[in-house]
Amino acid sequence: MSVKLLEHMRDELISCGAVQNTPEFCEAWLGRSEGYIRTLRNHGTGPSVEALAICSHKLGHYAGRLRDGGNGQHLRLAEQFDRLKTLCDQAIAEHAERVWRAPDRMTA
């Protein structure tokens, strides 16, 4: 998992008006501090599974609510949220597979 994924999601949410800036994205969509992405970048690490799970759940929640709204703009936004949720879910799945496929875990 890479910080680039979070930056991509942040940029998408900014472009559709769901967030205004990075601190808001980190706090409202990842459940983290406003400097979360900056910290990840400085430490050369990727996002936590927990942050991705929080974001995925929130994207799914709002995609469903937007679909219930029914108008064209809401449906397009719901589709965009669904695509971002899929990216989160794929990153979580990749991380999970790396963990269970680790050689020291295969012997248990």
PDB file of N, CA and C in Angstrom:
ATOM      1  N   MET A   1       0.845  -1.171   0.000  1.00  0.00           N
ATOM      2  CA  MET A   1       0.000   0.000   0.000  1.00  0.00           C
ATOM      3  C   MET A   1       0.886   1.228   0.000  1.00  0.00           C
ATOM      4  N   SER A   2       0.429   2.210  -0.675  1.00  0.00           N
ATOM      5  CA  SER A   2       1.240   3.400  -0.863  1.00  0.00           C
ATOM      6  C   SER A   2       0.468   4.652  -0.482  1.00  0.00           C
ATOM      7  N   VAL A   3       1.235   5.642  -0.079  1.00  0.00           N
ATOM      8  CA  VAL A   3       0.631   6.941   0.224  1.00  0.00           C
ATOM      9  C   VAL A   3       0.007   7.531  -1.045  1.00  0.00           C
ATOM     10  N   LYS A   4       0.472   7.091  -2.201  1.00  0.00           N
ATOM     11  CA  LYS A   4      -0.088   7.580  -3.472  1.00  0.00           C
ATOM     12  C   LYS A   4      -1.580   7.238  -3.588  1.00  0.00           C
ATOM     13  N   LEU A   5      -1.974   6.110  -3.033  1.00  0.00           N
ATOM     14  CA  LEU A   5      -3.397   5.747  -3.046  1.00  0.00           C
ATOM     15  C   LEU A   5      -4.210   6.784  -2.282  1.00  0.00           C
ATOM     16  N   LEU A   6      -3.739   7.157  -1.097  1.00  0.00           N
ATOM     17  CA  LEU A   6      -4.453   8.164  -0.314  1.00  0.00           C
ATOM     18  C   LEU A   6      -4.478   9.504  -1.030  1.00  0.00           C
ATOM     19  N   GLU A   7      -3.358   9.864  -1.646  1.00  0.00           N
ATOM     20  CA  GLU A   7      -3.309  11.135  -2.381  1.00  0.00           C
ATOM     21  C   GLU A   7      -4.275  11.125  -3.551  1.00  0.00           C
ATOM     22  N   HIS A   8      -4.381   9.987  -4.227  1.00  0.00           N
ATOM     23  CA  HIS A   8      -5.334   9.869  -5.339  1.00  0.00           C
ATOM     24  C   HIS A   8      -6.773  10.025  -4.830  1.00  0.00           C
ATOM     25  N   MET A   9      -7.083   9.330  -3.744  1.00  0.00           N
ATOM     26  CA  MET A   9      -8.435   9.425  -3.198  1.00  0.00           C
ATOM     27  C   MET A   9      -8.730  10.837  -2.724  1.00  0.00           C
ATOM     28  N   ARG A  10      -7.770  11.460  -2.054  1.00  0.00           N
ATOM     29  CA  ARG A  10      -7.939  12.850  -1.612  1.00  0.00           C
ATOM     30  C   ARG A  10      -8.226  13.762  -2.798  1.00  0.00           C
ATOM     31  N   ASP A  11      -7.439  13.610  -3.868  1.00  0.00           N
ATOM     32  CA  ASP A  11      -7.619  14.452  -5.046  1.00  0.00           C
ATOM     33  C   ASP A  11      -8.997  14.258  -5.676  1.00  0.00           C
ATOM     34  N   GLU A  12      -9.449  13.007  -5.737  1.00  0.00           N
ATOM     35  CA  GLU A  12     -10.787  12.723  -6.279  1.00  0.00           C
ATOM     36  C   GLU A  12     -11.878  13.371  -5.423  1.00  0.00           C
ATOM     37  N   LEU A  13     -11.731  13.251  -4.107  1.00  0.00           N
ATOM     38  CA  LEU A  13     -12.747  13.825  -3.221  1.00  0.00           C
ATOM     39  C   LEU A  13     -12.717  15.349  -3.240  1.00  0.00           C
ATOM     40  N   ILE A  14     -11.556  15.926  -3.428  1.00  0.00           N
ATOM     41  CA  ILE A  14     -11.471  17.387  -3.573  1.00  0.00           C
ATOM     42  C   ILE A  14     -12.135  17.807  -4.878  1.00  0.00           C
ATOM     43  N   SER A  15     -11.850  17.074  -5.958  1.00  0.00           N
ATOM     44  CA  SER A  15     -12.397  17.461  -7.269  1.00  0.00           C
ATOM     45  C   SER A  15     -13.916  17.389  -7.307  1.00  0.00           C
ATOM     46  N   CYS A  16     -14.507  16.493  -6.516  1.00  0.00           N
ATOM     47  CA  CYS A  16     -15.978  16.404  -6.522  1.00  0.00           C
ATOM     48  C   CYS A  16     -16.602  17.242  -5.417  1.00  0.00           C
ATOM     49  N   GLY A  17     -15.790  17.919  -4.625  1.00  0.00           N
ATOM     50  CA  GLY A  17     -16.319  18.814  -3.601  1.00  0.00           C
ATOM     51  C   GLY A  17     -16.648  18.152  -2.269  1.00  0.00           C
ATOM     52  N   ALA A  18     -16.250  16.895  -2.090  1.00  0.00           N
ATOM     53  CA  ALA A  18     -16.557  16.205  -0.833  1.00  0.00           C
ATOM     54  C   ALA A  18     -15.643  16.660   0.305  1.00  0.00           C
ATOM     55  N   VAL A  19     -14.431  17.092  -0.035  1.00  0.00           N
ATOM     56  CA  VAL A  19     -13.511  17.673   0.953  1.00  0.00           C
ATOM     57  C   VAL A  19     -12.848  18.893   0.325  1.00  0.00           C
ATOM     58  N   GLN A  20     -12.279  19.722   1.186  1.00  0.00           N
ATOM     59  CA  GLN A  20     -11.634  20.935   0.682  1.00  0.00           C
ATOM     60  C   GLN A  20     -10.122  20.835   0.645  1.00  0.00           C
ATOM     61  N   ASN A  21      -9.528  20.003   1.517  1.00  0.00           N
ATOM     62  CA  ASN A  21      -8.069  19.973   1.601  1.00  0.00           C
ATOM     63  C   ASN A  21      -7.591  18.682   2.270  1.00  0.00           C
ATOM     64  N   THR A  22      -6.276  18.529   2.339  1.00  0.00           N
ATOM     65  CA  THR A  22      -5.676  17.326   2.906  1.00  0.00           C
ATOM     66  C   THR A  22      -6.014  17.131   4.381  1.00  0.00           C
ATOM     67  N   PRO A  23      -5.884  18.156   5.226  1.00  0.00           N
ATOM     68  CA  PRO A  23      -6.227  17.932   6.633  1.00  0.00           C
ATOM     69  C   PRO A  23      -7.663  17.441   6.830  1.00  0.00           C
ATOM     70  N   GLU A  24      -8.591  18.018   6.086  1.00  0.00           N
ATOM     71  CA  GLU A  24      -9.985  17.582   6.190  1.00  0.00           C
ATOM     72  C   GLU A  24     -10.134  16.133   5.749  1.00  0.00           C
ATOM     73  N   PHE A  25      -9.472  15.749   4.673  1.00  0.00           N
ATOM     74  CA  PHE A  25      -9.529  14.363   4.199  1.00  0.00           C
ATOM     75  C   PHE A  25      -8.992  13.414   5.267  1.00  0.00           C
ATOM     76  N   CYS A  26      -7.844  13.741   5.827  1.00  0.00           N
ATOM     77  CA  CYS A  26      -7.228  12.869   6.830  1.00  0.00           C
ATOM     78  C   CYS A  26      -8.128  12.699   8.052  1.00  0.00           C
ATOM     79  N   GLU A  27      -8.697  13.785   8.518  1.00  0.00           N
ATOM     80  CA  GLU A  27      -9.520  13.724   9.718  1.00  0.00           C
ATOM     81  C   GLU A  27     -10.892  13.106   9.455  1.00  0.00           C
ATOM     82  N   ALA A  28     -11.573  13.579   8.400  1.00  0.00           N
ATOM     83  CA  ALA A  28     -12.961  13.181   8.168  1.00  0.00           C
ATOM     84  C   ALA A  28     -13.117  11.853   7.439  1.00  0.00           C
ATOM     85  N   TRP A  29     -12.158  11.481   6.592  1.00  0.00           N
ATOM     86  CA  TRP A  29     -12.312  10.282   5.774  1.00  0.00           C
ATOM     87  C   TRP A  29     -11.406   9.143   6.200  1.00  0.00           C
ATOM     88  N   LEU A  30     -10.346   9.445   6.945  1.00  0.00           N
ATOM     89  CA  LEU A  30      -9.434   8.392   7.390  1.00  0.00           C
ATOM     90  C   LEU A  30      -9.471   8.190   8.900  1.00  0.00           C
ATOM     91  N   GLY A  31     -10.083   9.127   9.614  1.00  0.00           N
ATOM     92  CA  GLY A  31     -10.110   9.039  11.058  1.00  0.00           C
ATOM     93  C   GLY A  31      -8.744   9.238  11.685  1.00  0.00           C
ATOM     94  N   ARG A  32      -7.929  10.053  11.047  1.00  0.00           N
ATOM     95  CA  ARG A  32      -6.561  10.271  11.499  1.00  0.00           C
ATOM     96  C   ARG A  32      -6.318  11.759  11.707  1.00  0.00           C
ATOM     97  N   SER A  33      -5.114  12.090  12.154  1.00  0.00           N
ATOM     98  CA  SER A  33      -4.765  13.492  12.371  1.00  0.00           C
ATOM     99  C   SER A  33      -4.601  14.203  11.033  1.00  0.00           C
ATOM    100  N   GLU A  34      -4.649  15.510  11.083  1.00  0.00           N
ATOM    101  CA  GLU A  34      -4.576  16.302   9.845  1.00  0.00           C
ATOM    102  C   GLU A  34      -3.268  16.115   9.095  1.00  0.00           C
ATOM    103  N   GLY A  35      -2.211  15.706   9.769  1.00  0.00           N
ATOM    104  CA  GLY A  35      -0.910  15.521   9.120  1.00  0.00           C
ATOM    105  C   GLY A  35      -0.597  14.073   8.782  1.00  0.00           C
ATOM    106  N   TYR A  36      -1.601  13.213   8.733  1.00  0.00           N
ATOM    107  CA  TYR A  36      -1.384  11.773   8.519  1.00  0.00           C
ATOM    108  C   TYR A  36      -0.625  11.484   7.228  1.00  0.00           C
ATOM    109  N   ILE A  37      -1.043  12.050   6.125  1.00  0.00           N
ATOM    110  CA  ILE A  37      -0.370  11.779   4.850  1.00  0.00           C
ATOM    111  C   ILE A  37       1.068  12.289   4.886  1.00  0.00           C
ATOM    112  N   ARG A  38       1.264  13.451   5.434  1.00  0.00           N
ATOM    113  CA  ARG A  38       2.614  14.013   5.543  1.00  0.00           C
ATOM    114  C   ARG A  38       3.506  13.090   6.385  1.00  0.00           C
ATOM    115  N   THR A  39       2.968  12.583   7.483  1.00  0.00           N
ATOM    116  CA  THR A  39       3.722  11.676   8.346  1.00  0.00           C
ATOM    117  C   THR A  39       4.079  10.390   7.610  1.00  0.00           C
ATOM    118  N   LEU A  40       3.117   9.824   6.891  1.00  0.00           N
ATOM    119  CA  LEU A  40       3.405   8.607   6.116  1.00  0.00           C
ATOM    120  C   LEU A  40       4.516   8.857   5.104  1.00  0.00           C
ATOM    121  N   ARG A  41       4.428   9.979   4.414  1.00  0.00           N
ATOM    122  CA  ARG A  41       5.427  10.318   3.407  1.00  0.00           C
ATOM    123  C   ARG A  41       6.811  10.466   4.051  1.00  0.00           C
ATOM    124  N   ASN A  42       6.877  11.157   5.193  1.00  0.00           N
ATOM    125  CA  ASN A  42       8.156  11.375   5.873  1.00  0.00           C
ATOM    126  C   ASN A  42       8.773  10.086   6.390  1.00  0.00           C
ATOM    127  N   HIS A  43       7.927   9.134   6.809  1.00  0.00           N
ATOM    128  CA  HIS A  43       8.429   7.867   7.329  1.00  0.00           C
ATOM    129  C   HIS A  43       8.574   6.799   6.247  1.00  0.00           C
ATOM    130  N   GLY A  44       8.123   7.095   5.049  1.00  0.00           N
ATOM    131  CA  GLY A  44       8.215   6.131   3.958  1.00  0.00           C
ATOM    132  C   GLY A  44       7.347   4.905   4.168  1.00  0.00           C
ATOM    133  N   THR A  45       6.205   5.094   4.830  1.00  0.00           N
ATOM    134  CA  THR A  45       5.301   3.974   5.083  1.00  0.00           C
ATOM    135  C   THR A  45       3.972   4.193   4.371  1.00  0.00           C
ATOM    136  N   GLY A  46       3.186   3.150   4.340  1.00  0.00           N
ATOM    137  CA  GLY A  46       1.872   3.231   3.720  1.00  0.00           C
ATOM    138  C   GLY A  46       0.783   3.396   4.760  1.00  0.00           C
ATOM    139  N   PRO A  47      -0.439   3.588   4.307  1.00  0.00           N
ATOM    140  CA  PRO A  47      -1.565   3.786   5.224  1.00  0.00           C
ATOM    141  C   PRO A  47      -1.873   2.516   6.006  1.00  0.00           C
ATOM    142  N   SER A  48      -2.439   2.696   7.176  1.00  0.00           N
ATOM    143  CA  SER A  48      -2.840   1.542   7.976  1.00  0.00           C
ATOM    144  C   SER A  48      -4.102   0.911   7.386  1.00  0.00           C
ATOM    145  N   VAL A  49      -4.272  -0.353   7.657  1.00  0.00           N
ATOM    146  CA  VAL A  49      -5.482  -1.044   7.230  1.00  0.00           C
ATOM    147  C   VAL A  49      -6.697  -0.413   7.895  1.00  0.00           C
ATOM    148  N   GLU A  50      -6.540   0.007   9.137  1.00  0.00           N
ATOM    149  CA  GLU A  50      -7.657   0.637   9.840  1.00  0.00           C
ATOM    150  C   GLU A  50      -8.111   1.916   9.133  1.00  0.00           C
ATOM    151  N   ALA A  51      -7.168   2.759   8.741  1.00  0.00           N
ATOM    152  CA  ALA A  51      -7.524   4.001   8.043  1.00  0.00           C
ATOM    153  C   ALA A  51      -8.224   3.684   6.722  1.00  0.00           C
ATOM    154  N   LEU A  52      -7.725   2.689   5.999  1.00  0.00           N
ATOM    155  CA  LEU A  52      -8.359   2.303   4.735  1.00  0.00           C
ATOM    156  C   LEU A  52      -9.756   1.738   4.971  1.00  0.00           C
ATOM    157  N   ALA A  53      -9.913   0.958   6.038  1.00  0.00           N
ATOM    158  CA  ALA A  53     -11.227   0.383   6.340  1.00  0.00           C
ATOM    159  C   ALA A  53     -12.235   1.468   6.705  1.00  0.00           C
ATOM    160  N   ILE A  54     -11.797   2.454   7.472  1.00  0.00           N
ATOM    161  CA  ILE A  54     -12.678   3.568   7.827  1.00  0.00           C
ATOM    162  C   ILE A  54     -13.114   4.306   6.571  1.00  0.00           C
ATOM    163  N   CYS A  55     -12.164   4.588   5.702  1.00  0.00           N
ATOM    164  CA  CYS A  55     -12.465   5.304   4.462  1.00  0.00           C
ATOM    165  C   CYS A  55     -13.400   4.480   3.578  1.00  0.00           C
ATOM    166  N   SER A  56     -13.112   3.203   3.447  1.00  0.00           N
ATOM    167  CA  SER A  56     -13.955   2.326   2.631  1.00  0.00           C
ATOM    168  C   SER A  56     -15.389   2.307   3.137  1.00  0.00           C
ATOM    169  N   HIS A  57     -15.542   2.181   4.433  1.00  0.00           N
ATOM    170  CA  HIS A  57     -16.882   2.125   5.010  1.00  0.00           C
ATOM    171  C   HIS A  57     -17.631   3.435   4.780  1.00  0.00           C
ATOM    172  N   LYS A  58     -16.940   4.549   4.975  1.00  0.00           N
ATOM    173  CA  LYS A  58     -17.595   5.847   4.790  1.00  0.00           C
ATOM    174  C   LYS A  58     -17.967   6.066   3.322  1.00  0.00           C
ATOM    175  N   LEU A  59     -17.075   5.688   2.412  1.00  0.00           N
ATOM    176  CA  LEU A  59     -17.382   5.806   0.983  1.00  0.00           C
ATOM    177  C   LEU A  59     -18.603   4.965   0.623  1.00  0.00           C
ATOM    178  N   GLY A  60     -18.669   3.744   1.140  1.00  0.00           N
ATOM    179  CA  GLY A  60     -19.813   2.880   0.872  1.00  0.00           C
ATOM    180  C   GLY A  60     -21.106   3.444   1.440  1.00  0.00           C
ATOM    181  N   HIS A  61     -21.015   3.976   2.633  1.00  0.00           N
ATOM    182  CA  HIS A  61     -22.194   4.569   3.272  1.00  0.00           C
ATOM    183  C   HIS A  61     -22.747   5.713   2.427  1.00  0.00           C
ATOM    184  N   TYR A  62     -21.863   6.637   2.050  1.00  0.00           N
ATOM    185  CA  TYR A  62     -22.340   7.799   1.296  1.00  0.00           C
ATOM    186  C   TYR A  62     -22.707   7.452  -0.143  1.00  0.00           C
ATOM    187  N   ALA A  63     -22.075   6.445  -0.722  1.00  0.00           N
ATOM    188  CA  ALA A  63     -22.488   6.004  -2.062  1.00  0.00           C
ATOM    189  C   ALA A  63     -23.927   5.517  -2.017  1.00  0.00           C
ATOM    190  N   GLY A  64     -24.260   4.759  -0.990  1.00  0.00           N
ATOM    191  CA  GLY A  64     -25.630   4.272  -0.840  1.00  0.00           C
ATOM    192  C   GLY A  64     -26.625   5.401  -0.637  1.00  0.00           C
ATOM    193  N   ARG A  65     -26.271   6.357   0.181  1.00  0.00           N
ATOM    194  CA  ARG A  65     -27.173   7.497   0.421  1.00  0.00           C
ATOM    195  C   ARG A  65     -27.354   8.327  -0.843  1.00  0.00           C
ATOM    196  N   LEU A  66     -26.275   8.498  -1.602  1.00  0.00           N
ATOM    197  CA  LEU A  66     -26.375   9.265  -2.847  1.00  0.00           C
ATOM    198  C   LEU A  66     -27.234   8.538  -3.879  1.00  0.00           C
ATOM    199  N   ARG A  67     -27.099   7.212  -3.935  1.00  0.00           N
ATOM    200  CA  ARG A  67     -27.940   6.437  -4.860  1.00  0.00           C
ATOM    201  C   ARG A  67     -29.414   6.586  -4.496  1.00  0.00           C
ATOM    202  N   ASP A  68     -29.701   6.659  -3.218  1.00  0.00           N
ATOM    203  CA  ASP A  68     -31.087   6.833  -2.770  1.00  0.00           C
ATOM    204  C   ASP A  68     -31.636   8.198  -3.182  1.00  0.00           C
ATOM    205  N   GLY A  69     -30.721   9.185  -3.346  1.00  0.00           N
ATOM    206  CA  GLY A  69     -31.135  10.527  -3.773  1.00  0.00           C
ATOM    207  C   GLY A  69     -31.711  10.528  -5.171  1.00  0.00           C
ATOM    208  N   GLY A  70     -31.196   9.661  -6.024  1.00  0.00           N
ATOM    209  CA  GLY A  70     -31.793   9.419  -7.315  1.00  0.00           C
ATOM    210  C   GLY A  70     -31.482  10.347  -8.465  1.00  0.00           C
ATOM    211  N   ASN A  71     -31.005  11.569  -8.238  1.00  0.00           N
ATOM    212  CA  ASN A  71     -30.774  12.417  -9.408  1.00  0.00           C
ATOM    213  C   ASN A  71     -29.440  12.073 -10.074  1.00  0.00           C
ATOM    214  N   GLY A  72     -29.258  12.539 -11.294  1.00  0.00           N
ATOM    215  CA  GLY A  72     -28.087  12.180 -12.099  1.00  0.00           C
ATOM    216  C   GLY A  72     -26.763  12.533 -11.458  1.00  0.00           C
ATOM    217  N   GLN A  73     -26.668  13.719 -10.894  1.00  0.00           N
ATOM    218  CA  GLN A  73     -25.422  14.150 -10.259  1.00  0.00           C
ATOM    219  C   GLN A  73     -25.098  13.260  -9.055  1.00  0.00           C
ATOM    220  N   HIS A  74     -26.106  12.932  -8.280  1.00  0.00           N
ATOM    221  CA  HIS A  74     -25.899  12.074  -7.118  1.00  0.00           C
ATOM    222  C   HIS A  74     -25.469  10.673  -7.549  1.00  0.00           C
ATOM    223  N   LEU A  75     -26.050  10.172  -8.628  1.00  0.00           N
ATOM    224  CA  LEU A  75     -25.691   8.837  -9.110  1.00  0.00           C
ATOM    225  C   LEU A  75     -24.254   8.800  -9.617  1.00  0.00           C
ATOM    226  N   ARG A  76     -23.820   9.846 -10.291  1.00  0.00           N
ATOM    227  CA  ARG A  76     -22.418   9.908 -10.759  1.00  0.00           C
ATOM    228  C   ARG A  76     -21.460   9.956  -9.578  1.00  0.00           C
ATOM    229  N   LEU A  77     -21.819  10.718  -8.567  1.00  0.00           N
ATOM    230  CA  LEU A  77     -20.988  10.810  -7.378  1.00  0.00           C
ATOM    231  C   LEU A  77     -20.960   9.466  -6.636  1.00  0.00           C
ATOM    232  N   ALA A  78     -22.084   8.777  -6.581  1.00  0.00           N
ATOM    233  CA  ALA A  78     -22.136   7.452  -5.959  1.00  0.00           C
ATOM    234  C   ALA A  78     -21.209   6.486  -6.683  1.00  0.00           C
ATOM    235  N   GLU A  79     -21.190   6.551  -8.006  1.00  0.00           N
ATOM    236  CA  GLU A  79     -20.291   5.692  -8.785  1.00  0.00           C
ATOM    237  C   GLU A  79     -18.834   6.015  -8.490  1.00  0.00           C
ATOM    238  N   GLN A  80     -18.512   7.280  -8.370  1.00  0.00           N
ATOM    239  CA  GLN A  80     -17.158   7.691  -8.045  1.00  0.00           C
ATOM    240  C   GLN A  80     -16.771   7.179  -6.653  1.00  0.00           C
ATOM    241  N   PHE A  81     -17.664   7.309  -5.686  1.00  0.00           N
ATOM    242  CA  PHE A  81     -17.404   6.803  -4.340  1.00  0.00           C
ATOM    243  C   PHE A  81     -17.224   5.288  -4.365  1.00  0.00           C
ATOM    244  N   ASP A  82     -18.032   4.591  -5.163  1.00  0.00           N
ATOM    245  CA  ASP A  82     -17.897   3.134  -5.281  1.00  0.00           C
ATOM    246  C   ASP A  82     -16.522   2.752  -5.837  1.00  0.00           C
ATOM    247  N   ARG A  83     -16.044   3.491  -6.829  1.00  0.00           N
ATOM    248  CA  ARG A  83     -14.712   3.206  -7.396  1.00  0.00           C
ATOM    249  C   ARG A  83     -13.626   3.410  -6.345  1.00  0.00           C
ATOM    250  N   LEU A  84     -13.731   4.476  -5.573  1.00  0.00           N
ATOM    251  CA  LEU A  84     -12.745   4.736  -4.524  1.00  0.00           C
ATOM    252  C   LEU A  84     -12.824   3.671  -3.435  1.00  0.00           C
ATOM    253  N   LYS A  85     -14.028   3.242  -3.097  1.00  0.00           N
ATOM    254  CA  LYS A  85     -14.198   2.179  -2.108  1.00  0.00           C
ATOM    255  C   LYS A  85     -13.522   0.903  -2.592  1.00  0.00           C
ATOM    256  N   THR A  86     -13.668   0.596  -3.859  1.00  0.00           N
ATOM    257  CA  THR A  86     -13.035  -0.597  -4.424  1.00  0.00           C
ATOM    258  C   THR A  86     -11.515  -0.522  -4.294  1.00  0.00           C
ATOM    259  N   LEU A  87     -10.946   0.668  -4.520  1.00  0.00           N
ATOM    260  CA  LEU A  87      -9.501   0.832  -4.354  1.00  0.00           C
ATOM    261  C   LEU A  87      -9.080   0.558  -2.911  1.00  0.00           C
ATOM    262  N   CYS A  88      -9.841   1.065  -1.958  1.00  0.00           N
ATOM    263  CA  CYS A  88      -9.556   0.800  -0.536  1.00  0.00           C
ATOM    264  C   CYS A  88      -9.630  -0.699  -0.253  1.00  0.00           C
ATOM    265  N   ASP A  89     -10.694  -1.319  -0.715  1.00  0.00           N
ATOM    266  CA  ASP A  89     -10.903  -2.737  -0.455  1.00  0.00           C
ATOM    267  C   ASP A  89      -9.800  -3.589  -1.083  1.00  0.00           C
ATOM    268  N   GLN A  90      -9.348  -3.220  -2.277  1.00  0.00           N
ATOM    269  CA  GLN A  90      -8.255  -3.951  -2.916  1.00  0.00           C
ATOM    270  C   GLN A  90      -6.958  -3.811  -2.127  1.00  0.00           C
ATOM    271  N   ALA A  91      -6.679  -2.612  -1.632  1.00  0.00           N
ATOM    272  CA  ALA A  91      -5.471  -2.393  -0.838  1.00  0.00           C
ATOM    273  C   ALA A  91      -5.523  -3.201   0.453  1.00  0.00           C
ATOM    274  N   ILE A  92      -6.689  -3.266   1.079  1.00  0.00           N
ATOM    275  CA  ILE A  92      -6.854  -4.057   2.303  1.00  0.00           C
ATOM    276  C   ILE A  92      -6.628  -5.536   1.999  1.00  0.00           C
ATOM    277  N   ALA A  93      -7.212  -6.021   0.919  1.00  0.00           N
ATOM    278  CA  ALA A  93      -7.063  -7.429   0.537  1.00  0.00           C
ATOM    279  C   ALA A  93      -5.604  -7.767   0.228  1.00  0.00           C
ATOM    280  N   GLU A  94      -4.909  -6.869  -0.472  1.00  0.00           N
ATOM    281  CA  GLU A  94      -3.498  -7.110  -0.778  1.00  0.00           C
ATOM    282  C   GLU A  94      -2.666  -7.192   0.492  1.00  0.00           C
ATOM    283  N   HIS A  95      -2.955  -6.315   1.436  1.00  0.00           N
ATOM    284  CA  HIS A  95      -2.232  -6.341   2.707  1.00  0.00           C
ATOM    285  C   HIS A  95      -2.510  -7.650   3.454  1.00  0.00           C
ATOM    286  N   ALA A  96      -3.774  -8.042   3.521  1.00  0.00           N
ATOM    287  CA  ALA A  96      -4.145  -9.273   4.213  1.00  0.00           C
ATOM    288  C   ALA A  96      -3.445 -10.474   3.592  1.00  0.00           C
ATOM    289  N   GLU A  97      -3.388 -10.524   2.281  1.00  0.00           N
ATOM    290  CA  GLU A  97      -2.734 -11.656   1.628  1.00  0.00           C
ATOM    291  C   GLU A  97      -1.238 -11.675   1.907  1.00  0.00           C
ATOM    292  N   ARG A  98      -0.608 -10.487   1.920  1.00  0.00           N
ATOM    293  CA  ARG A  98       0.822 -10.441   2.255  1.00  0.00           C
ATOM    294  C   ARG A  98       1.072 -10.987   3.660  1.00  0.00           C
ATOM    295  N   VAL A  99       0.166 -10.681   4.581  1.00  0.00           N
ATOM    296  CA  VAL A  99       0.333 -11.150   5.962  1.00  0.00           C
ATOM    297  C   VAL A  99       0.192 -12.661   6.036  1.00  0.00           C
ATOM    298  N   TRP A 100      -0.881 -13.213   5.483  1.00  0.00           N
ATOM    299  CA  TRP A 100      -1.080 -14.650   5.652  1.00  0.00           C
ATOM    300  C   TRP A 100      -0.156 -15.494   4.784  1.00  0.00           C
ATOM    301  N   ARG A 101       0.405 -14.880   3.730  1.00  0.00           N
ATOM    302  CA  ARG A 101       1.349 -15.622   2.902  1.00  0.00           C
ATOM    303  C   ARG A 101       2.797 -15.521   3.405  1.00  0.00           C
ATOM    304  N   ALA A 102       3.019 -14.700   4.412  1.00  0.00           N
ATOM    305  CA  ALA A 102       4.379 -14.563   4.949  1.00  0.00           C
ATOM    306  C   ALA A 102       4.864 -15.939   5.399  1.00  0.00           C
ATOM    307  N   PRO A 103       6.087 -16.310   5.040  1.00  0.00           N
ATOM    308  CA  PRO A 103       6.594 -17.663   5.329  1.00  0.00           C
ATOM    309  C   PRO A 103       6.468 -18.071   6.808  1.00  0.00           C
ATOM    310  N   ASP A 104       6.723 -17.169   7.728  1.00  0.00           N
ATOM    311  CA  ASP A 104       6.640 -17.539   9.146  1.00  0.00           C
ATOM    312  C   ASP A 104       5.205 -17.778   9.591  1.00  0.00           C
ATOM    313  N   ARG A 105       4.229 -17.307   8.856  1.00  0.00           N
ATOM    314  CA  ARG A 105       2.825 -17.546   9.217  1.00  0.00           C
ATOM    315  C   ARG A 105       2.291 -18.826   8.576  1.00  0.00           C
ATOM    316  N   MET A 106       2.943 -19.295   7.553  1.00  0.00           N
ATOM    317  CA  MET A 106       2.463 -20.481   6.845  1.00  0.00           C
ATOM    318  C   MET A 106       2.708 -21.760   7.641  1.00  0.00           C
ATOM    319  N   THR A 107       3.608 -21.715   8.606  1.00  0.00           N
ATOM    320  CA  THR A 107       3.914 -22.934   9.366  1.00  0.00           C
ATOM    321  C   THR A 107       2.993 -23.143  10.552  1.00  0.00           C
ATOM    322  N   ALA A 108       2.192 -22.176  10.878  1.00  0.00           N
ATOM    323  CA  ALA A 108       1.326 -22.281  12.067  1.00  0.00           C
ATOM    324  C   ALA A 108       0.143 -23.184  11.835  1.00  0.00           C
TER     325      ALA A 108
END
